[in-house]
Amino acid sequence: MDTTYFLRLTATLLQKRDYAAAGIFWICALIAVRYRYNTALSIFPLLYLFFHIRFRRLAWPLLVISAIVMVAV
């Protein structure tokens, strides 16, 4: 599989608001980043949208924390 499949799946999972979709979103995002390291730069807009949809006030701090975790992985 290619990283584009995982990125497309993460983009479509942004529309769903249940916890299972959120878990699959994170799994697909981590698989995409682990598959190709330069995907980490293209996943940041999706992460911001994920945090903005779920947690409106905490979007930027959570994005910074997730960026640090993704770089550490």
N, C-alpha and C. Protein backbone atom coordinates (compact mmCIF):
# COMPACT_ATOMS: atom_id res chain seq x y z
N MET A 1 0.83 -1.18 0.00
CA MET A 1 0.00 0.00 0.00
C MET A 1 0.87 1.24 0.00
N ASP A 2 0.30 2.28 -0.48
CA ASP A 2 1.01 3.55 -0.57
C ASP A 2 0.49 4.50 0.52
N THR A 3 1.28 5.51 0.81
CA THR A 3 0.86 6.46 1.85
C THR A 3 -0.35 7.27 1.42
N THR A 4 -0.58 7.41 0.13
CA THR A 4 -1.74 8.19 -0.31
C THR A 4 -3.05 7.55 0.12
N TYR A 5 -3.09 6.23 0.17
CA TYR A 5 -4.30 5.55 0.65
C TYR A 5 -4.57 5.89 2.11
N PHE A 6 -3.52 5.89 2.91
CA PHE A 6 -3.70 6.20 4.32
C PHE A 6 -4.07 7.66 4.52
N LEU A 7 -3.49 8.56 3.72
CA LEU A 7 -3.84 9.97 3.83
C LEU A 7 -5.27 10.23 3.38
N ARG A 8 -5.71 9.56 2.34
CA ARG A 8 -7.10 9.70 1.91
C ARG A 8 -8.06 9.16 2.95
N LEU A 9 -7.70 8.06 3.56
CA LEU A 9 -8.55 7.49 4.60
C LEU A 9 -8.63 8.42 5.80
N THR A 10 -7.53 9.04 6.17
CA THR A 10 -7.56 9.98 7.29
C THR A 10 -8.42 11.19 6.95
N ALA A 11 -8.36 11.65 5.70
CA ALA A 11 -9.17 12.80 5.29
C ALA A 11 -10.66 12.46 5.31
N THR A 12 -11.02 11.26 4.92
CA THR A 12 -12.44 10.89 4.95
C THR A 12 -12.92 10.63 6.37
N LEU A 13 -12.03 10.19 7.25
CA LEU A 13 -12.44 9.96 8.63
C LEU A 13 -12.64 11.24 9.42
N LEU A 14 -12.21 12.38 8.87
CA LEU A 14 -12.44 13.65 9.54
C LEU A 14 -13.92 13.99 9.59
N GLN A 15 -14.70 13.46 8.66
CA GLN A 15 -16.12 13.80 8.59
C GLN A 15 -16.94 13.06 9.65
N LYS A 16 -16.43 11.97 10.16
CA LYS A 16 -17.16 11.19 11.16
C LYS A 16 -16.77 11.66 12.56
N ARG A 17 -17.71 11.60 13.46
CA ARG A 17 -17.46 12.13 14.80
C ARG A 17 -17.47 11.08 15.90
N ASP A 18 -17.42 9.82 15.57
CA ASP A 18 -17.43 8.81 16.62
C ASP A 18 -16.01 8.44 17.04
N TYR A 19 -15.92 7.73 18.15
CA TYR A 19 -14.60 7.41 18.71
C TYR A 19 -13.85 6.37 17.89
N ALA A 20 -14.57 5.48 17.25
CA ALA A 20 -13.90 4.47 16.42
C ALA A 20 -13.22 5.12 15.23
N ALA A 21 -13.87 6.10 14.62
CA ALA A 21 -13.26 6.82 13.50
C ALA A 21 -12.03 7.61 13.95
N ALA A 22 -12.09 8.15 15.16
CA ALA A 22 -10.93 8.89 15.69
C ALA A 22 -9.75 7.95 15.91
N GLY A 23 -10.02 6.76 16.42
CA GLY A 23 -8.95 5.79 16.62
C GLY A 23 -8.34 5.33 15.31
N ILE A 24 -9.19 5.06 14.33
CA ILE A 24 -8.69 4.65 13.01
C ILE A 24 -7.94 5.79 12.35
N PHE A 25 -8.38 7.03 12.58
CA PHE A 25 -7.67 8.20 12.06
C PHE A 25 -6.23 8.22 12.56
N TRP A 26 -6.04 8.04 13.86
CA TRP A 26 -4.70 8.08 14.43
C TRP A 26 -3.85 6.91 13.96
N ILE A 27 -4.45 5.74 13.85
CA ILE A 27 -3.69 4.58 13.37
C ILE A 27 -3.22 4.80 11.93
N CYS A 28 -4.11 5.30 11.08
CA CYS A 28 -3.74 5.54 9.68
C CYS A 28 -2.71 6.66 9.55
N ALA A 29 -2.84 7.68 10.40
CA ALA A 29 -1.86 8.77 10.37
C ALA A 29 -0.48 8.26 10.78
N LEU A 30 -0.41 7.46 11.81
CA LEU A 30 0.88 6.93 12.25
C LEU A 30 1.47 5.94 11.23
N ILE A 31 0.62 5.14 10.60
CA ILE A 31 1.11 4.22 9.56
C ILE A 31 1.67 5.01 8.39
N ALA A 32 0.98 6.07 7.99
CA ALA A 32 1.45 6.88 6.87
C ALA A 32 2.80 7.52 7.18
N VAL A 33 2.96 8.00 8.41
CA VAL A 33 4.23 8.63 8.79
C VAL A 33 5.33 7.59 8.92
N ARG A 34 4.99 6.43 9.43
CA ARG A 34 6.01 5.38 9.56
C ARG A 34 6.40 4.80 8.21
N TYR A 35 5.48 4.81 7.26
CA TYR A 35 5.77 4.26 5.94
C TYR A 35 6.73 5.16 5.17
N ARG A 36 6.49 6.45 5.22
CA ARG A 36 7.40 7.42 4.60
C ARG A 36 7.57 8.58 5.56
N TYR A 37 8.78 8.91 5.91
CA TYR A 37 9.04 9.94 6.92
C TYR A 37 8.64 11.33 6.47
N ASN A 38 8.68 11.62 5.17
CA ASN A 38 8.34 12.96 4.71
C ASN A 38 6.84 13.20 4.66
N THR A 39 6.05 12.21 5.01
CA THR A 39 4.61 12.39 5.10
C THR A 39 4.25 13.21 6.32
N ALA A 40 5.14 13.30 7.27
CA ALA A 40 4.86 14.06 8.49
C ALA A 40 4.54 15.51 8.18
N LEU A 41 5.13 16.07 7.16
CA LEU A 41 4.83 17.46 6.80
C LEU A 41 3.45 17.59 6.16
N SER A 42 3.02 16.59 5.45
CA SER A 42 1.71 16.69 4.80
C SER A 42 0.57 16.27 5.71
N ILE A 43 0.86 15.70 6.86
CA ILE A 43 -0.20 15.28 7.77
C ILE A 43 -0.61 16.41 8.71
N PHE A 44 0.18 17.46 8.83
CA PHE A 44 -0.15 18.54 9.76
C PHE A 44 -1.47 19.24 9.46
N PRO A 45 -1.82 19.54 8.22
CA PRO A 45 -3.15 20.13 7.99
C PRO A 45 -4.29 19.20 8.41
N LEU A 46 -4.12 17.90 8.20
CA LEU A 46 -5.15 16.96 8.63
C LEU A 46 -5.25 16.89 10.15
N LEU A 47 -4.10 16.96 10.82
CA LEU A 47 -4.12 16.96 12.28
C LEU A 47 -4.77 18.22 12.82
N TYR A 48 -4.49 19.36 12.19
CA TYR A 48 -5.12 20.60 12.64
C TYR A 48 -6.64 20.52 12.46
N LEU A 49 -7.09 20.02 11.33
CA LEU A 49 -8.53 19.88 11.12
C LEU A 49 -9.15 18.91 12.11
N PHE A 50 -8.45 17.83 12.41
CA PHE A 50 -8.95 16.86 13.40
C PHE A 50 -9.13 17.53 14.75
N PHE A 51 -8.12 18.27 15.21
CA PHE A 51 -8.22 18.93 16.50
C PHE A 51 -9.22 20.08 16.48
N HIS A 52 -9.33 20.76 15.36
CA HIS A 52 -10.26 21.88 15.26
C HIS A 52 -11.71 21.38 15.29
N ILE A 53 -11.97 20.24 14.68
CA ILE A 53 -13.32 19.69 14.68
C ILE A 53 -13.68 19.15 16.06
N ARG A 54 -12.76 18.45 16.69
CA ARG A 54 -13.07 17.80 17.96
C ARG A 54 -12.92 18.72 19.17
N PHE A 55 -11.84 19.49 19.21
CA PHE A 55 -11.55 20.36 20.36
C PHE A 55 -11.25 21.75 19.83
N ARG A 56 -12.24 22.61 19.80
CA ARG A 56 -12.08 23.91 19.15
C ARG A 56 -11.06 24.81 19.85
N ARG A 57 -11.12 24.89 21.17
CA ARG A 57 -10.23 25.81 21.87
C ARG A 57 -8.81 25.29 22.02
N LEU A 58 -8.64 23.98 21.98
CA LEU A 58 -7.32 23.38 22.21
C LEU A 58 -6.62 22.96 20.92
N ALA A 59 -7.04 23.48 19.79
CA ALA A 59 -6.51 22.99 18.50
C ALA A 59 -5.01 23.24 18.38
N TRP A 60 -4.55 24.44 18.64
CA TRP A 60 -3.13 24.73 18.45
C TRP A 60 -2.22 24.03 19.44
N PRO A 61 -2.52 24.04 20.75
CA PRO A 61 -1.64 23.30 21.67
C PRO A 61 -1.59 21.80 21.37
N LEU A 62 -2.73 21.22 21.02
CA LEU A 62 -2.73 19.79 20.70
C LEU A 62 -1.97 19.51 19.41
N LEU A 63 -2.03 20.43 18.45
CA LEU A 63 -1.26 20.26 17.22
C LEU A 63 0.23 20.30 17.50
N VAL A 64 0.66 21.18 18.36
CA VAL A 64 2.08 21.27 18.70
C VAL A 64 2.53 20.00 19.43
N ILE A 65 1.72 19.51 20.35
CA ILE A 65 2.06 18.28 21.07
C ILE A 65 2.13 17.09 20.12
N SER A 66 1.16 17.00 19.20
CA SER A 66 1.18 15.88 18.26
C SER A 66 2.36 15.99 17.29
N ALA A 67 2.75 17.21 16.93
CA ALA A 67 3.93 17.38 16.07
C ALA A 67 5.19 16.90 16.77
N ILE A 68 5.31 17.19 18.04
CA ILE A 68 6.47 16.74 18.79
C ILE A 68 6.48 15.22 18.90
N VAL A 69 5.32 14.62 19.12
CA VAL A 69 5.24 13.17 19.22
C VAL A 69 5.56 12.52 17.88
N MET A 70 5.03 13.08 16.78
CA MET A 70 5.29 12.51 15.46
C MET A 70 6.77 12.59 15.09
N VAL A 71 7.41 13.70 15.45
CA VAL A 71 8.84 13.83 15.16
C VAL A 71 9.63 12.86 16.02
N ALA A 72 9.20 12.65 17.25
CA ALA A 72 9.90 11.72 18.13
C ALA A 72 9.79 10.29 17.66
N VAL A 73 8.65 9.96 17.03
CA VAL A 73 8.47 8.59 16.52
C VAL A 73 9.39 8.40 15.36
